[in-house]
Amino acid sequence: ELCVYCLRNEAGRMLGFLGVSASEIEMLFVRDEARGRGVGRELLEYATGVLGLTRLWVNSQNGQAAGFYRRMGFRETGRCERDPEGKPYPLLRMELPGGR
């Protein structure tokens, strides 16, 4: 089961969203115009601090996302050359050491 949390501005416009399962962060998306304003950090801190989730997979070809997670304290703990559907999208397994 996937739960999705949204962060909206005062006008109700969605700035970003976080998708989580019972055991890990499944996705995090921030609108281009909201990047660099703390939206991703707030969503990730909700996932780690409130929900207690400390693991995720990220496409290794997405350097911006992998770099963001590293800046937030996540460390690479593994890799897979194909995504869950068997497509050739290399993934990095990342975990937050010791949780938050």
C-alpha atoms as a PDB file:
ATOM      1  CA  GLU A   1       0.000   0.000   0.000  1.00  0.00           C
ATOM      2  CA  LEU A   2       1.308   3.429  -0.945  1.00  0.00           C
ATOM      3  CA  CYS A   3       0.492   6.546   1.081  1.00  0.00           C
ATOM      4  CA  VAL A   4       1.031   9.956  -0.492  1.00  0.00           C
ATOM      5  CA  TYR A   5       1.602  13.205   1.427  1.00  0.00           C
ATOM      6  CA  CYS A   6       1.468  16.600  -0.286  1.00  0.00           C
ATOM      7  CA  LEU A   7       2.930  19.949   0.651  1.00  0.00           C
ATOM      8  CA  ARG A   8       0.908  22.901  -0.617  1.00  0.00           C
ATOM      9  CA  ASN A   9       1.379  26.657  -0.577  1.00  0.00           C
ATOM     10  CA  GLU A  10      -1.093  29.146   0.914  1.00  0.00           C
ATOM     11  CA  ALA A  11      -3.099  29.188  -2.335  1.00  0.00           C
ATOM     12  CA  GLY A  12      -3.462  25.399  -2.276  1.00  0.00           C
ATOM     13  CA  ARG A  13      -1.030  24.727  -5.127  1.00  0.00           C
ATOM     14  CA  MET A  14       0.901  21.511  -4.627  1.00  0.00           C
ATOM     15  CA  LEU A  15       4.636  22.177  -4.231  1.00  0.00           C
ATOM     16  CA  GLY A  16       5.714  18.580  -3.825  1.00  0.00           C
ATOM     17  CA  PHE A  17       4.693  15.138  -2.692  1.00  0.00           C
ATOM     18  CA  LEU A  18       6.082  12.163  -0.833  1.00  0.00           C
ATOM     19  CA  GLY A  19       5.061   8.556  -1.469  1.00  0.00           C
ATOM     20  CA  VAL A  20       5.797   5.959   1.200  1.00  0.00           C
ATOM     21  CA  SER A  21       5.133   2.306   1.898  1.00  0.00           C
ATOM     22  CA  ALA A  22       5.130   0.729   5.335  1.00  0.00           C
ATOM     23  CA  SER A  23       8.885   0.136   5.154  1.00  0.00           C
ATOM     24  CA  GLU A  24      10.469   2.793   2.921  1.00  0.00           C
ATOM     25  CA  ILE A  25      10.334   6.037   1.008  1.00  0.00           C
ATOM     26  CA  GLU A  26       9.052   5.185  -2.459  1.00  0.00           C
ATOM     27  CA  MET A  27       9.130   8.595  -4.151  1.00  0.00           C
ATOM     28  CA  LEU A  28       9.705  12.274  -3.528  1.00  0.00           C
ATOM     29  CA  PHE A  29       8.874  14.951  -6.081  1.00  0.00           C
ATOM     30  CA  VAL A  30       9.266  18.737  -5.910  1.00  0.00           C
ATOM     31  CA  ARG A  31       7.967  21.114  -8.591  1.00  0.00           C
ATOM     32  CA  ASP A  32      10.740  22.878 -10.482  1.00  0.00           C
ATOM     33  CA  GLU A  33       9.632  26.305  -9.258  1.00  0.00           C
ATOM     34  CA  ALA A  34       9.700  25.110  -5.625  1.00  0.00           C
ATOM     35  CA  ARG A  35      13.210  23.624  -5.678  1.00  0.00           C
ATOM     36  CA  GLY A  36      15.754  25.189  -3.364  1.00  0.00           C
ATOM     37  CA  ARG A  37      13.054  26.433  -0.968  1.00  0.00           C
ATOM     38  CA  GLY A  38      13.099  23.611   1.583  1.00  0.00           C
ATOM     39  CA  VAL A  39      10.137  21.655   0.186  1.00  0.00           C
ATOM     40  CA  GLY A  40      12.117  18.442  -0.372  1.00  0.00           C
ATOM     41  CA  ARG A  41      13.800  18.780   2.998  1.00  0.00           C
ATOM     42  CA  GLU A  42      10.449  19.240   4.764  1.00  0.00           C
ATOM     43  CA  LEU A  43       8.918  16.216   3.050  1.00  0.00           C
ATOM     44  CA  LEU A  44      11.971  14.050   3.723  1.00  0.00           C
ATOM     45  CA  GLU A  45      12.131  15.140   7.358  1.00  0.00           C
ATOM     46  CA  TYR A  46       8.470  14.174   7.717  1.00  0.00           C
ATOM     47  CA  ALA A  47       9.253  10.724   6.286  1.00  0.00           C
ATOM     48  CA  THR A  48      12.246  10.177   8.547  1.00  0.00           C
ATOM     49  CA  GLY A  49      11.237  12.043  11.698  1.00  0.00           C
ATOM     50  CA  VAL A  50       7.500  11.411  11.894  1.00  0.00           C
ATOM     51  CA  LEU A  51       7.082   8.191   9.914  1.00  0.00           C
ATOM     52  CA  GLY A  52      10.439   6.702  10.922  1.00  0.00           C
ATOM     53  CA  LEU A  53      11.417   5.663   7.390  1.00  0.00           C
ATOM     54  CA  THR A  54      15.136   5.497   6.665  1.00  0.00           C
ATOM     55  CA  ARG A  55      15.480   3.517   3.408  1.00  0.00           C
ATOM     56  CA  LEU A  56      14.904   4.258  -0.274  1.00  0.00           C
ATOM     57  CA  TRP A  57      15.950   3.432  -3.818  1.00  0.00           C
ATOM     58  CA  VAL A  58      16.986   6.212  -6.221  1.00  0.00           C
ATOM     59  CA  ASN A  59      17.870   6.068  -9.914  1.00  0.00           C
ATOM     60  CA  SER A  60      21.665   6.362 -10.001  1.00  0.00           C
ATOM     61  CA  GLN A  61      21.381   8.370 -13.225  1.00  0.00           C
ATOM     62  CA  ASN A  62      19.502  11.087 -11.320  1.00  0.00           C
ATOM     63  CA  GLY A  63      22.504  12.857  -9.817  1.00  0.00           C
ATOM     64  CA  GLN A  64      20.398  15.699  -8.434  1.00  0.00           C
ATOM     65  CA  ALA A  65      18.216  13.335  -6.387  1.00  0.00           C
ATOM     66  CA  ALA A  66      21.106  11.147  -5.210  1.00  0.00           C
ATOM     67  CA  GLY A  67      23.043  14.278  -4.205  1.00  0.00           C
ATOM     68  CA  PHE A  68      20.050  15.617  -2.290  1.00  0.00           C
ATOM     69  CA  TYR A  69      19.720  12.399  -0.297  1.00  0.00           C
ATOM     70  CA  ARG A  70      23.463  12.399   0.436  1.00  0.00           C
ATOM     71  CA  ARG A  71      23.247  15.994   1.714  1.00  0.00           C
ATOM     72  CA  MET A  72      20.385  14.893   3.939  1.00  0.00           C
ATOM     73  CA  GLY A  73      22.596  12.213   5.509  1.00  0.00           C
ATOM     74  CA  PHE A  74      21.664   9.136   3.482  1.00  0.00           C
ATOM     75  CA  ARG A  75      24.461   6.735   2.509  1.00  0.00           C
ATOM     76  CA  GLU A  76      24.652   4.245  -0.343  1.00  0.00           C
ATOM     77  CA  THR A  77      24.312   0.668   0.915  1.00  0.00           C
ATOM     78  CA  GLY A  78      23.817  -1.207  -2.350  1.00  0.00           C
ATOM     79  CA  ARG A  79      22.956  -1.039  -6.012  1.00  0.00           C
ATOM     80  CA  CYS A  80      20.944  -2.874  -8.623  1.00  0.00           C
ATOM     81  CA  GLU A  81      21.417  -2.587 -12.383  1.00  0.00           C
ATOM     82  CA  ARG A  82      17.704  -3.008 -13.178  1.00  0.00           C
ATOM     83  CA  ASP A  83      14.524  -1.543 -11.726  1.00  0.00           C
ATOM     84  CA  PRO A  84      11.782  -3.786 -10.231  1.00  0.00           C
ATOM     85  CA  GLU A  85      10.184  -4.155 -13.678  1.00  0.00           C
ATOM     86  CA  GLY A  86      13.475  -5.452 -15.111  1.00  0.00           C
ATOM     87  CA  LYS A  87      14.221  -2.316 -17.133  1.00  0.00           C
ATOM     88  CA  PRO A  88      17.856  -1.189 -17.371  1.00  0.00           C
ATOM     89  CA  TYR A  89      17.611   1.687 -14.903  1.00  0.00           C
ATOM     90  CA  PRO A  90      20.429   1.354 -12.351  1.00  0.00           C
ATOM     91  CA  LEU A  91      19.261   2.012  -8.796  1.00  0.00           C
ATOM     92  CA  LEU A  92      21.124   2.944  -5.643  1.00  0.00           C
ATOM     93  CA  ARG A  93      19.961   1.645  -2.287  1.00  0.00           C
ATOM     94  CA  MET A  94      20.329   4.437   0.271  1.00  0.00           C
ATOM     95  CA  GLU A  95      19.783   4.418   4.015  1.00  0.00           C
ATOM     96  CA  LEU A  96      19.911   6.988   6.755  1.00  0.00           C
ATOM     97  CA  PRO A  97      22.421   5.674   9.323  1.00  0.00           C
ATOM     98  CA  GLY A  98      20.882   5.400  12.770  1.00  0.00           C
ATOM     99  CA  GLY A  99      17.628   7.036  11.653  1.00  0.00           C
ATOM    100  CA  ARG A 100      16.662  10.469  12.919  1.00  0.00           C
END
